[in-house]
Amino acid sequence: MPSFITRTTITRSTLAALFASCVAVSFTASALPSAPLKDVLSLKEACQQIAIEDQLPENEVGVFLLDCVNDQLTEMGYERIASLDELQ
């Protein structure tokens, strides 16, 4: 077998093992903390202001708010939320 084929096979195997290790580490790493409710509510208000300023159509606001809040939570190192409906 030509040596370049062997090197390619070894390289692919190494990359596959590295990828599998990264995936395993990401699943076993500790979960991100949940954001305090007051912070989530504050982010929701800020995102609502952006929606108003951008004059988003009413049917797009809900999806926008969830994406906006989750983007901010991610940047702050918090766990994303599944829904804004549960917030009081």
Protein backbone atom coordinates (compact mmCIF):
# COMPACT_ATOMS: atom_id res chain seq x y z
CA MET A 1 0.00 0.00 0.00
CA PRO A 2 1.41 3.45 -0.87
CA SER A 3 2.63 5.42 2.11
CA PHE A 4 0.39 8.44 1.41
CA ILE A 5 -2.70 6.22 1.72
CA THR A 6 -1.49 4.95 5.08
CA ARG A 7 -0.79 8.50 6.27
CA THR A 8 -4.23 9.63 5.07
CA THR A 9 -5.90 6.74 6.88
CA ILE A 10 -3.95 7.48 10.07
CA THR A 11 -4.76 11.19 9.80
CA ARG A 12 -8.47 10.49 9.33
CA SER A 13 -8.48 8.04 12.22
CA THR A 14 -6.71 10.57 14.44
CA LEU A 15 -9.14 13.32 13.49
CA ALA A 16 -12.11 11.02 14.11
CA ALA A 17 -10.75 10.07 17.54
CA LEU A 18 -10.10 13.72 18.39
CA PHE A 19 -13.63 14.68 17.34
CA ALA A 20 -15.13 11.84 19.39
CA SER A 21 -13.09 12.96 22.41
CA CYS A 22 -14.29 16.54 22.06
CA VAL A 23 -17.90 15.42 21.81
CA ALA A 24 -17.50 13.21 24.88
CA VAL A 25 -15.92 16.06 26.83
CA SER A 26 -18.69 18.48 25.85
CA PHE A 27 -21.33 16.05 27.13
CA THR A 28 -19.52 15.34 30.37
CA ALA A 29 -18.58 18.93 31.13
CA SER A 30 -20.62 20.58 33.83
CA ALA A 31 -23.75 22.32 32.65
CA LEU A 32 -23.85 26.07 32.44
CA PRO A 33 -25.55 27.82 35.34
CA SER A 34 -29.08 29.11 35.00
CA ALA A 35 -29.41 32.87 34.95
CA PRO A 36 -31.23 34.56 37.81
CA LEU A 37 -34.86 35.31 36.91
CA LYS A 38 -34.35 39.06 37.35
CA ASP A 39 -31.55 38.98 34.75
CA VAL A 40 -33.68 37.05 32.25
CA LEU A 41 -36.57 39.47 32.75
CA SER A 42 -34.22 42.42 32.27
CA LEU A 43 -32.89 40.90 29.04
CA LYS A 44 -36.43 40.28 27.84
CA GLU A 45 -37.31 43.95 28.42
CA ALA A 46 -34.22 45.10 26.53
CA CYS A 47 -35.02 42.77 23.65
CA GLN A 48 -38.64 44.01 23.61
CA GLN A 49 -37.32 47.56 23.22
CA ILE A 50 -35.21 46.46 20.27
CA ALA A 51 -38.24 44.77 18.69
CA ILE A 52 -40.25 47.98 19.09
CA GLU A 53 -37.46 50.17 17.71
CA ASP A 54 -36.98 47.83 14.76
CA GLN A 55 -40.76 47.77 14.19
CA LEU A 56 -40.85 44.00 13.93
CA PRO A 57 -44.15 42.52 12.76
CA GLU A 58 -46.15 41.08 15.68
CA ASN A 59 -45.89 37.54 14.30
CA GLU A 60 -42.05 37.71 14.47
CA VAL A 61 -41.68 39.20 17.94
CA GLY A 62 -41.94 35.97 19.95
CA VAL A 63 -39.19 34.17 18.05
CA PHE A 64 -37.04 37.29 18.05
CA LEU A 65 -37.37 37.73 21.82
CA LEU A 66 -36.37 34.15 22.57
CA ASP A 67 -33.38 34.30 20.20
CA CYS A 68 -32.34 37.70 21.54
CA VAL A 69 -32.53 36.63 25.19
CA ASN A 70 -30.72 33.36 24.50
CA ASP A 71 -27.94 35.12 22.59
CA GLN A 72 -27.36 37.39 25.57
CA LEU A 73 -27.51 34.51 28.05
CA THR A 74 -24.93 32.62 26.01
CA GLU A 75 -22.62 35.64 25.95
CA MET A 76 -22.98 35.96 29.72
CA GLY A 77 -22.09 32.28 30.25
CA TYR A 78 -25.57 31.16 31.26
CA GLU A 79 -27.70 28.27 30.11
CA ARG A 80 -30.16 29.00 27.30
CA ILE A 81 -33.87 28.90 28.06
CA ALA A 82 -36.50 26.95 26.14
CA SER A 83 -39.34 29.43 26.44
CA LEU A 84 -40.18 32.92 27.62
CA ASP A 85 -43.77 31.90 28.37
CA GLU A 86 -42.85 30.49 31.77
CA LEU A 87 -41.36 33.74 33.07
CA GLN A 88 -43.35 35.68 35.64
